[in-house]
PDB file of N, CA and C in Angstrom:
ATOM      1  N   MET A   1     112.510  79.666  97.677  1.00  0.00           N
ATOM      2  CA  MET A   1     111.969  79.593  99.018  1.00  0.00           C
ATOM      3  C   MET A   1     110.391  79.055  98.791  1.00  0.00           C
ATOM      4  N   THR A   2     110.031  78.196  99.533  1.00  0.00           N
ATOM      5  CA  THR A   2     108.620  77.747  99.268  1.00  0.00           C
ATOM      6  C   THR A   2     107.747  78.618 100.083  1.00  0.00           C
ATOM      7  N   ILE A   3     106.476  78.429  99.919  1.00  0.00           N
ATOM      8  CA  ILE A   3     105.238  79.395 100.429  1.00  0.00           C
ATOM      9  C   ILE A   3     105.343  79.202 101.978  1.00  0.00           C
ATOM     10  N   LYS A   4     105.630  78.035 102.500  1.00  0.00           N
ATOM     11  CA  LYS A   4     105.520  77.812 103.752  1.00  0.00           C
ATOM     12  C   LYS A   4     106.665  78.468 104.422  1.00  0.00           C
ATOM     13  N   GLU A   5     107.944  78.422 104.061  1.00  0.00           N
ATOM     14  CA  GLU A   5     109.032  78.977 104.455  1.00  0.00           C
ATOM     15  C   GLU A   5     109.064  80.503 104.633  1.00  0.00           C
ATOM     16  N   THR A   6     108.283  81.238 103.131  1.00  0.00           N
ATOM     17  CA  THR A   6     107.970  82.501 103.132  1.00  0.00           C
ATOM     18  C   THR A   6     107.128  82.977 104.285  1.00  0.00           C
ATOM     19  N   ARG A   7     106.033  82.140 104.454  1.00  0.00           N
ATOM     20  CA  ARG A   7     105.116  82.493 105.471  1.00  0.00           C
ATOM     21  C   ARG A   7     105.706  82.584 106.871  1.00  0.00           C
ATOM     22  N   THR A   8     106.415  81.586 107.251  1.00  0.00           N
ATOM     23  CA  THR A   8     107.125  81.529 108.635  1.00  0.00           C
ATOM     24  C   THR A   8     108.045  82.717 108.712  1.00  0.00           C
ATOM     25  N   ALA A   9     108.888  82.938 107.724  1.00  0.00           N
ATOM     26  CA  ALA A   9     109.537  84.073 107.872  1.00  0.00           C
ATOM     27  C   ALA A   9     108.738  85.414 107.917  1.00  0.00           C
ATOM     28  N   LEU A  10     107.866  85.621 107.395  1.00  0.00           N
ATOM     29  CA  LEU A  10     107.158  87.001 107.420  1.00  0.00           C
ATOM     30  C   LEU A  10     106.530  87.097 108.848  1.00  0.00           C
ATOM     31  N   MET A  11     106.033  86.001 109.356  1.00  0.00           N
ATOM     32  CA  MET A  11     105.432  85.981 110.636  1.00  0.00           C
ATOM     33  C   MET A  11     106.264  86.172 111.721  1.00  0.00           C
ATOM     34  N   THR A  12     107.622  85.706 111.625  1.00  0.00           N
ATOM     35  CA  THR A  12     108.370  85.548 112.958  1.00  0.00           C
ATOM     36  C   THR A  12     109.583  86.537 112.890  1.00  0.00           C
ATOM     37  N   GLN A  13     109.889  86.917 111.790  1.00  0.00           N
ATOM     38  CA  GLN A  13     111.225  87.767 111.802  1.00  0.00           C
ATOM     39  C   GLN A  13     110.865  89.389 111.731  1.00  0.00           C
ATOM     40  N   THR A  14     111.619  89.927 112.530  1.00  0.00           N
ATOM     41  CA  THR A  14     111.375  91.593 112.660  1.00  0.00           C
ATOM     42  C   THR A  14     112.335  92.179 111.770  1.00  0.00           C
ATOM     43  N   LYS A  15     111.913  93.150 111.200  1.00  0.00           N
ATOM     44  CA  LYS A  15     112.721  93.983 110.071  1.00  0.00           C
ATOM     45  C   LYS A  15     113.349  93.151 108.949  1.00  0.00           C
ATOM     46  N   LEU A  16     112.508  92.261 108.544  1.00  0.00           N
ATOM     47  CA  LEU A  16     112.727  91.408 107.416  1.00  0.00           C
ATOM     48  C   LEU A  16     112.303  92.191 106.113  1.00  0.00           C
ATOM     49  N   GLN A  17     113.391  92.215 105.338  1.00  0.00           N
ATOM     50  CA  GLN A  17     113.245  93.042 103.917  1.00  0.00           C
ATOM     51  C   GLN A  17     112.550  92.008 102.902  1.00  0.00           C
ATOM     52  N   PHE A  18     111.670  92.767 102.249  1.00  0.00           N
ATOM     53  CA  PHE A  18     111.205  91.809 101.217  1.00  0.00           C
ATOM     54  C   PHE A  18     110.502  92.893 100.215  1.00  0.00           C
ATOM     55  N   ASN A  19     110.314  92.141  98.859  1.00  0.00           N
ATOM     56  CA  ASN A  19     109.688  92.917  97.859  1.00  0.00           C
ATOM     57  C   ASN A  19     108.322  92.167  97.105  1.00  0.00           C
ATOM     58  N   ILE A  20     107.401  92.755  96.613  1.00  0.00           N
ATOM     59  CA  ILE A  20     106.218  92.348  96.152  1.00  0.00           C
ATOM     60  C   ILE A  20     106.349  92.512  94.697  1.00  0.00           C
ATOM     61  N   LYS A  21     106.014  91.292  93.979  1.00  0.00           N
ATOM     62  CA  LYS A  21     105.964  91.221  92.427  1.00  0.00           C
ATOM     63  C   LYS A  21     105.255  92.264  91.957  1.00  0.00           C
ATOM     64  N   GLY A  22     105.626  93.153  91.073  1.00  0.00           N
ATOM     65  CA  GLY A  22     104.794  94.315  90.420  1.00  0.00           C
ATOM     66  C   GLY A  22     104.907  95.708  90.989  1.00  0.00           C
ATOM     67  N   LEU A  23     105.450  95.669  92.232  1.00  0.00           N
ATOM     68  CA  LEU A  23     105.530  96.896  92.924  1.00  0.00           C
ATOM     69  C   LEU A  23     106.810  97.552  92.644  1.00  0.00           C
ATOM     70  N   ASN A  24     106.914  98.500  91.988  1.00  0.00           N
ATOM     71  CA  ASN A  24     108.142  99.234  91.700  1.00  0.00           C
ATOM     72  C   ASN A  24     108.197 100.954  92.125  1.00  0.00           C
ATOM     73  N   GLU A  25     109.247 101.409  92.198  1.00  0.00           N
ATOM     74  CA  GLU A  25     109.321 102.747  92.632  1.00  0.00           C
ATOM     75  C   GLU A  25     110.582 103.359  91.987  1.00  0.00           C
ATOM     76  N   TYR A  26     110.379 104.798  91.654  1.00  0.00           N
ATOM     77  CA  TYR A  26     111.550 105.398  91.177  1.00  0.00           C
ATOM     78  C   TYR A  26     112.342 105.627  92.354  1.00  0.00           C
ATOM     79  N   GLN A  27     113.684 105.459  92.063  1.00  0.00           N
ATOM     80  CA  GLN A  27     114.770 105.483  93.199  1.00  0.00           C
ATOM     81  C   GLN A  27     116.148 105.311  92.477  1.00  0.00           C
ATOM     82  N   CYS A  28     117.108 105.899  93.358  1.00  0.00           N
ATOM     83  CA  CYS A  28     118.515 105.866  92.916  1.00  0.00           C
ATOM     84  C   CYS A  28     119.064 104.383  93.009  1.00  0.00           C
ATOM     85  N   ILE A  29     119.448 103.901  91.787  1.00  0.00           N
ATOM     86  CA  ILE A  29     119.819 102.692  91.527  1.00  0.00           C
ATOM     87  C   ILE A  29     121.291 102.501  91.613  1.00  0.00           C
ATOM     88  N   ASP A  30     122.065 103.458  91.329  1.00  0.00           N
ATOM     89  CA  ASP A  30     123.736 103.447  91.395  1.00  0.00           C
ATOM     90  C   ASP A  30     124.164 104.839  92.058  1.00  0.00           C
ATOM     91  N   LYS A  31     124.522 104.703  93.288  1.00  0.00           N
ATOM     92  CA  LYS A  31     124.835 106.058  93.986  1.00  0.00           C
ATOM     93  C   LYS A  31     126.196 106.648  93.393  1.00  0.00           C
ATOM     94  N   GLU A  32     126.914 105.865  92.905  1.00  0.00           N
ATOM     95  CA  GLU A  32     128.392 106.384  92.287  1.00  0.00           C
ATOM     96  C   GLU A  32     128.079 107.400  91.132  1.00  0.00           C
ATOM     97  N   THR A  33     127.215 107.110  90.197  1.00  0.00           N
ATOM     98  CA  THR A  33     126.885 107.879  89.066  1.00  0.00           C
ATOM     99  C   THR A  33     125.479 108.552  89.358  1.00  0.00           C
ATOM    100  N   ASN A  34     124.871 108.414  90.346  1.00  0.00           N
ATOM    101  CA  ASN A  34     123.571 109.146  90.612  1.00  0.00           C
ATOM    102  C   ASN A  34     122.605 108.872  89.425  1.00  0.00           C
ATOM    103  N   GLU A  35     122.587 107.394  89.179  1.00  0.00           N
ATOM    104  CA  GLU A  35     121.471 106.920  88.215  1.00  0.00           C
ATOM    105  C   GLU A  35     120.226 106.721  88.713  1.00  0.00           C
ATOM    106  N   PHE A  36     119.171 107.235  88.382  1.00  0.00           N
ATOM    107  CA  PHE A  36     118.038 106.937  88.748  1.00  0.00           C
ATOM    108  C   PHE A  36     117.025 106.021  87.919  1.00  0.00           C
ATOM    109  N   GLY A  37     116.127 105.279  88.527  1.00  0.00           N
ATOM    110  CA  GLY A  37     115.207 104.253  87.499  1.00  0.00           C
ATOM    111  C   GLY A  37     114.063 103.642  88.274  1.00  0.00           C
ATOM    112  N   TYR A  38     113.409 102.721  87.823  1.00  0.00           N
ATOM    113  CA  TYR A  38     112.730 102.114  88.431  1.00  0.00           C
ATOM    114  C   TYR A  38     113.169 100.600  88.997  1.00  0.00           C
ATOM    115  N   ALA A  39     112.823 100.308  90.175  1.00  0.00           N
ATOM    116  CA  ALA A  39     113.437  99.201  90.849  1.00  0.00           C
ATOM    117  C   ALA A  39     112.299  98.682  91.813  1.00  0.00           C
ATOM    118  N   PRO A  40     112.264  97.403  92.328  1.00  0.00           N
ATOM    119  CA  PRO A  40     111.474  97.167  93.068  1.00  0.00           C
ATOM    120  C   PRO A  40     111.358  97.551  94.521  1.00  0.00           C
ATOM    121  N   LYS A  41     110.049  97.906  95.048  1.00  0.00           N
ATOM    122  CA  LYS A  41     109.970  98.626  96.172  1.00  0.00           C
ATOM    123  C   LYS A  41     110.172  97.649  97.467  1.00  0.00           C
ATOM    124  N   ILE A  42     110.993  98.080  98.229  1.00  0.00           N
ATOM    125  CA  ILE A  42     111.349  97.205  99.481  1.00  0.00           C
ATOM    126  C   ILE A  42     110.387  97.591 100.626  1.00  0.00           C
ATOM    127  N   PHE A  43     109.868  96.506 101.253  1.00  0.00           N
ATOM    128  CA  PHE A  43     109.343  96.724 102.355  1.00  0.00           C
ATOM    129  C   PHE A  43     109.948  95.968 103.674  1.00  0.00           C
ATOM    130  N   LYS A  44     109.448  96.223 104.930  1.00  0.00           N
ATOM    131  CA  LYS A  44     110.059  95.708 106.220  1.00  0.00           C
ATOM    132  C   LYS A  44     108.981  95.414 106.981  1.00  0.00           C
ATOM    133  N   THR A  45     109.183  94.064 107.720  1.00  0.00           N
ATOM    134  CA  THR A  45     108.131  93.671 108.651  1.00  0.00           C
ATOM    135  C   THR A  45     108.499  94.249 109.930  1.00  0.00           C
ATOM    136  N   TYR A  46     107.647  94.540 111.065  1.00  0.00           N
ATOM    137  CA  TYR A  46     107.569  95.092 112.564  1.00  0.00           C
ATOM    138  C   TYR A  46     106.746  94.306 113.234  1.00  0.00           C
ATOM    139  N   ARG A  47     107.275  93.980 114.422  1.00  0.00           N
ATOM    140  CA  ARG A  47     106.531  93.490 115.434  1.00  0.00           C
ATOM    141  C   ARG A  47     106.419  94.317 116.822  1.00  0.00           C
ATOM    142  N   PHE A  48     105.256  94.761 117.219  1.00  0.00           N
ATOM    143  CA  PHE A  48     105.259  95.721 118.362  1.00  0.00           C
ATOM    144  C   PHE A  48     105.135  94.991 119.728  1.00  0.00           C
ATOM    145  N   GLY A  49     106.100  95.572 120.491  1.00  0.00           N
ATOM    146  CA  GLY A  49     105.909  95.051 121.893  1.00  0.00           C
ATOM    147  C   GLY A  49     106.153  93.696 122.048  1.00  0.00           C
ATOM    148  N   SER A  50     105.396  92.801 122.806  1.00  0.00           N
ATOM    149  CA  SER A  50     105.571  91.413 122.916  1.00  0.00           C
ATOM    150  C   SER A  50     104.696  90.733 122.094  1.00  0.00           C
ATOM    151  N   ASP A  51     104.311  91.173 120.867  1.00  0.00           N
ATOM    152  CA  ASP A  51     103.388  90.334 120.035  1.00  0.00           C
ATOM    153  C   ASP A  51     104.094  89.137 119.390  1.00  0.00           C
ATOM    154  N   ALA A  52     103.412  88.075 119.421  1.00  0.00           N
ATOM    155  CA  ALA A  52     103.912  86.867 118.891  1.00  0.00           C
ATOM    156  C   ALA A  52     104.353  86.820 117.495  1.00  0.00           C
ATOM    157  N   GLN A  53     103.578  87.497 116.492  1.00  0.00           N
ATOM    158  CA  GLN A  53     103.872  87.548 115.339  1.00  0.00           C
ATOM    159  C   GLN A  53     103.955  89.084 114.639  1.00  0.00           C
ATOM    160  N   THR A  54     104.311  89.167 113.395  1.00  0.00           N
ATOM    161  CA  THR A  54     104.458  90.376 112.838  1.00  0.00           C
ATOM    162  C   THR A  54     103.104  91.172 112.848  1.00  0.00           C
ATOM    163  N   SER A  55     103.264  92.569 113.156  1.00  0.00           N
ATOM    164  CA  SER A  55     102.124  93.434 113.498  1.00  0.00           C
ATOM    165  C   SER A  55     101.769  94.376 112.211  1.00  0.00           C
ATOM    166  N   SER A  56     102.925  94.711 111.584  1.00  0.00           N
ATOM    167  CA  SER A  56     102.738  95.642 110.397  1.00  0.00           C
ATOM    168  C   SER A  56     103.834  95.408 109.495  1.00  0.00           C
ATOM    169  N   ILE A  57     103.545  95.778 108.230  1.00  0.00           N
ATOM    170  CA  ILE A  57     104.813  96.077 107.158  1.00  0.00           C
ATOM    171  C   ILE A  57     104.836  97.466 106.661  1.00  0.00           C
ATOM    172  N   THR A  58     105.903  98.100 106.604  1.00  0.00           N
ATOM    173  CA  THR A  58     106.269  99.264 106.139  1.00  0.00           C
ATOM    174  C   THR A  58     106.924  99.395 104.863  1.00  0.00           C
ATOM    175  N   CYS A  59     107.126 100.662 104.325  1.00  0.00           N
ATOM    176  CA  CYS A  59     108.220 100.830 103.285  1.00  0.00           C
ATOM    177  C   CYS A  59     109.426 100.906 103.677  1.00  0.00           C
ATOM    178  N   ARG A  60     110.485 100.880 102.949  1.00  0.00           N
ATOM    179  CA  ARG A  60     111.745 100.939 103.427  1.00  0.00           C
ATOM    180  C   ARG A  60     112.276 101.911 104.719  1.00  0.00           C
ATOM    181  N   PHE A  61     111.747 103.169 104.492  1.00  0.00           N
ATOM    182  CA  PHE A  61     111.919 104.255 105.373  1.00  0.00           C
ATOM    183  C   PHE A  61     110.939 104.278 106.590  1.00  0.00           C
ATOM    184  N   GLY A  62     110.001 103.464 106.705  1.00  0.00           N
ATOM    185  CA  GLY A  62     109.084 103.368 107.714  1.00  0.00           C
ATOM    186  C   GLY A  62     107.971 104.427 107.789  1.00  0.00           C
ATOM    187  N   ILE A  63     107.731 105.082 106.596  1.00  0.00           N
ATOM    188  CA  ILE A  63     106.821 106.163 106.415  1.00  0.00           C
ATOM    189  C   ILE A  63     105.465 105.839 106.125  1.00  0.00           C
ATOM    190  N   GLN A  64     105.398 104.962 105.306  1.00  0.00           N
ATOM    191  CA  GLN A  64     104.096 104.374 104.722  1.00  0.00           C
ATOM    192  C   GLN A  64     104.048 102.877 105.437  1.00  0.00           C
ATOM    193  N   GLY A  65     102.759 102.559 105.837  1.00  0.00           N
ATOM    194  CA  GLY A  65     102.665 101.127 106.486  1.00  0.00           C
ATOM    195  C   GLY A  65     101.407 100.695 106.399  1.00  0.00           C
ATOM    196  N   MET A  66     101.164  99.418 106.602  1.00  0.00           N
ATOM    197  CA  MET A  66      99.725  98.808 106.840  1.00  0.00           C
ATOM    198  C   MET A  66      99.937  97.809 107.953  1.00  0.00           C
ATOM    199  N   THR A  67      98.699  97.604 108.558  1.00  0.00           N
ATOM    200  CA  THR A  67      98.683  96.789 109.596  1.00  0.00           C
ATOM    201  C   THR A  67      98.325  95.329 109.181  1.00  0.00           C
ATOM    202  N   VAL A  68      98.885  94.169 109.605  1.00  0.00           N
ATOM    203  CA  VAL A  68      98.648  92.850 109.276  1.00  0.00           C
ATOM    204  C   VAL A  68      97.430  92.289 110.016  1.00  0.00           C
ATOM    205  N   THR A  69      96.300  91.839 109.299  1.00  0.00           N
ATOM    206  CA  THR A  69      95.273  91.314 109.942  1.00  0.00           C
ATOM    207  C   THR A  69      95.405  89.941 110.314  1.00  0.00           C
ATOM    208  N   LYS A  70      95.946  89.291 109.377  1.00  0.00           N
ATOM    209  CA  LYS A  70      96.133  87.727 109.611  1.00  0.00           C
ATOM    210  C   LYS A  70      97.077  87.311 108.592  1.00  0.00           C
ATOM    211  N   PHE A  71      97.484  86.062 108.837  1.00  0.00           N
ATOM    212  CA  PHE A  71      98.366  85.137 108.120  1.00  0.00           C
ATOM    213  C   PHE A  71      97.550  83.936 107.609  1.00  0.00           C
ATOM    214  N   GLY A  72      97.233  83.942 106.413  1.00  0.00           N
ATOM    215  CA  GLY A  72      96.458  82.798 105.923  1.00  0.00           C
ATOM    216  C   GLY A  72      97.410  81.710 105.196  1.00  0.00           C
ATOM    217  N   PRO A  73      96.719  80.567 104.858  1.00  0.00           N
ATOM    218  CA  PRO A  73      97.525  79.458 104.285  1.00  0.00           C
ATOM    219  C   PRO A  73      98.311  79.890 102.927  1.00  0.00           C
ATOM    220  N   THR A  74      97.807  80.817 102.084  1.00  0.00           N
ATOM    221  CA  THR A  74      98.363  81.077 100.697  1.00  0.00           C
ATOM    222  C   THR A  74      98.559  82.677 100.713  1.00  0.00           C
ATOM    223  N   SER A  75      98.087  83.533 101.730  1.00  0.00           N
ATOM    224  CA  SER A  75      98.256  84.941 101.647  1.00  0.00           C
ATOM    225  C   SER A  75      98.144  85.425 102.900  1.00  0.00           C
ATOM    226  N   PHE A  76      98.632  86.917 102.938  1.00  0.00           N
ATOM    227  CA  PHE A  76      98.248  87.596 104.213  1.00  0.00           C
ATOM    228  C   PHE A  76      97.396  88.887 104.005  1.00  0.00           C
ATOM    229  N   THR A  77      96.708  89.428 104.961  1.00  0.00           N
ATOM    230  CA  THR A  77      95.785  90.268 104.758  1.00  0.00           C
ATOM    231  C   THR A  77      96.239  91.510 105.480  1.00  0.00           C
ATOM    232  N   VAL A  78      96.230  92.746 104.891  1.00  0.00           N
ATOM    233  CA  VAL A  78      96.650  94.101 105.394  1.00  0.00           C
ATOM    234  C   VAL A  78      95.625  95.044 105.366  1.00  0.00           C
ATOM    235  N   TYR A  79      95.601  96.148 106.174  1.00  0.00           N
ATOM    236  CA  TYR A  79      94.768  97.127 105.926  1.00  0.00           C
ATOM    237  C   TYR A  79      95.363  98.379 106.699  1.00  0.00           C
ATOM    238  N   SER A  80      94.859  99.581 106.233  1.00  0.00           N
ATOM    239  CA  SER A  80      95.120 100.945 106.781  1.00  0.00           C
ATOM    240  C   SER A  80      94.002 101.703 106.542  1.00  0.00           C
ATOM    241  N   PHE A  81      94.000 102.783 107.440  1.00  0.00           N
ATOM    242  CA  PHE A  81      92.979 104.120 107.102  1.00  0.00           C
ATOM    243  C   PHE A  81      93.500 105.168 106.603  1.00  0.00           C
ATOM    244  N   ASP A  82      92.952 105.814 105.744  1.00  0.00           N
ATOM    245  CA  ASP A  82      93.249 107.088 105.165  1.00  0.00           C
ATOM    246  C   ASP A  82      92.819 108.267 105.816  1.00  0.00           C
ATOM    247  N   LEU A  83      92.968 109.499 105.513  1.00  0.00           N
ATOM    248  CA  LEU A  83      92.586 110.759 106.465  1.00  0.00           C
ATOM    249  C   LEU A  83      91.196 110.888 106.697  1.00  0.00           C
ATOM    250  N   LEU A  84      90.602 110.233 105.830  1.00  0.00           N
ATOM    251  CA  LEU A  84      88.977 110.382 105.767  1.00  0.00           C
ATOM    252  C   LEU A  84      88.254 109.347 106.780  1.00  0.00           C
ATOM    253  N   GLY A  85      89.123 108.348 107.101  1.00  0.00           N
ATOM    254  CA  GLY A  85      88.525 107.293 107.850  1.00  0.00           C
ATOM    255  C   GLY A  85      88.224 106.096 107.028  1.00  0.00           C
ATOM    256  N   ASN A  86      88.412 106.182 105.818  1.00  0.00           N
ATOM    257  CA  ASN A  86      88.076 104.813 104.963  1.00  0.00           C
ATOM    258  C   ASN A  86      89.139 103.903 105.081  1.00  0.00           C
ATOM    259  N   ARG A  87      88.856 102.730 105.302  1.00  0.00           N
ATOM    260  CA  ARG A  87      89.607 101.521 105.439  1.00  0.00           C
ATOM    261  C   ARG A  87      90.102 100.746 104.020  1.00  0.00           C
ATOM    262  N   THR A  88      91.348 100.987 103.843  1.00  0.00           N
ATOM    263  CA  THR A  88      91.880  99.990 102.405  1.00  0.00           C
ATOM    264  C   THR A  88      92.403  98.749 103.027  1.00  0.00           C
ATOM    265  N   ARG A  89      91.836  97.650 102.272  1.00  0.00           N
ATOM    266  CA  ARG A  89      92.471  96.347 102.598  1.00  0.00           C
ATOM    267  C   ARG A  89      93.003  95.771 101.396  1.00  0.00           C
ATOM    268  N   GLY A  90      93.876  94.794 101.721  1.00  0.00           N
ATOM    269  CA  GLY A  90      94.681  94.135 100.548  1.00  0.00           C
ATOM    270  C   GLY A  90      94.931  92.682 100.800  1.00  0.00           C
ATOM    271  N   ARG A  91      95.275  91.997  99.923  1.00  0.00           N
ATOM    272  CA  ARG A  91      95.662  90.348 100.415  1.00  0.00           C
ATOM    273  C   ARG A  91      96.937  90.359  99.550  1.00  0.00           C
ATOM    274  N   ILE A  92      98.075  89.941  99.920  1.00  0.00           N
ATOM    275  CA  ILE A  92      99.313  89.762  99.244  1.00  0.00           C
ATOM    276  C   ILE A  92      99.465  88.005  99.278  1.00  0.00           C
ATOM    277  N   LYS A  93      99.912  87.710  98.237  1.00  0.00           N
ATOM    278  CA  LYS A  93      99.876  86.238  98.026  1.00  0.00           C
ATOM    279  C   LYS A  93     101.506  85.747  98.345  1.00  0.00           C
ATOM    280  N   TYR A  94     101.769  84.717  99.014  1.00  0.00           N
ATOM    281  CA  TYR A  94     103.087  84.537  99.480  1.00  0.00           C
ATOM    282  C   TYR A  94     103.892  84.261  98.194  1.00  0.00           C
ATOM    283  N   GLU A  95     103.516  83.793  97.183  1.00  0.00           N
ATOM    284  CA  GLU A  95     104.191  83.426  96.048  1.00  0.00           C
ATOM    285  C   GLU A  95     104.659  84.800  95.139  1.00  0.00           C
ATOM    286  N   ASP A  96     103.925  85.895  95.623  1.00  0.00           N
ATOM    287  CA  ASP A  96     104.411  87.169  94.916  1.00  0.00           C
ATOM    288  C   ASP A  96     105.522  87.908  95.930  1.00  0.00           C
ATOM    289  N   VAL A  97     105.906  87.180  96.908  1.00  0.00           N
ATOM    290  CA  VAL A  97     106.710  87.838  97.894  1.00  0.00           C
ATOM    291  C   VAL A  97     108.177  87.272  97.594  1.00  0.00           C
ATOM    292  N   THR A  98     109.081  88.023  97.614  1.00  0.00           N
ATOM    293  CA  THR A  98     110.549  87.625  97.528  1.00  0.00           C
ATOM    294  C   THR A  98     111.431  88.236  98.444  1.00  0.00           C
ATOM    295  N   ILE A  99     111.883  87.562  99.341  1.00  0.00           N
ATOM    296  CA  ILE A  99     112.862  87.968 100.614  1.00  0.00           C
ATOM    297  C   ILE A  99     114.022  88.350 100.031  1.00  0.00           C
ATOM    298  N   VAL A 100     114.361  89.732 100.519  1.00  0.00           N
ATOM    299  CA  VAL A 100     115.791  90.372 100.114  1.00  0.00           C
ATOM    300  C   VAL A 100     116.573  90.137 101.221  1.00  0.00           C
ATOM    301  N   THR A 101     117.966  89.700 100.580  1.00  0.00           N
ATOM    302  CA  THR A 101     119.011  89.392 101.535  1.00  0.00           C
ATOM    303  C   THR A 101     120.098  90.077 100.962  1.00  0.00           C
ATOM    304  N   ASP A 102     120.608  91.094 101.917  1.00  0.00           N
ATOM    305  CA  ASP A 102     121.882  91.916 101.516  1.00  0.00           C
ATOM    306  C   ASP A 102     122.843  91.611 102.365  1.00  0.00           C
TER     307      ASP A 102
END
């Protein structure tokens, strides 16, 4: 998938599942044998109300998330606030994103 296709998919599709290169979490890998191990962390996109493009990304279960500031030509910028009001900002490159199709 090209950078342009990845950008368009992230901007327009709701509940699109993707992972980011280098981000792993400890989770159940095989439900039949209850085998646990490290696997790529799955994220989802969300669009609130009548927004034209994706508003936020969350983890697979929707517990942790970040708001999308902008979609640039090579990356998108996200931010979140912690309990003390400190803003955390990050840039994610499209080349590090892999769309998950199940």
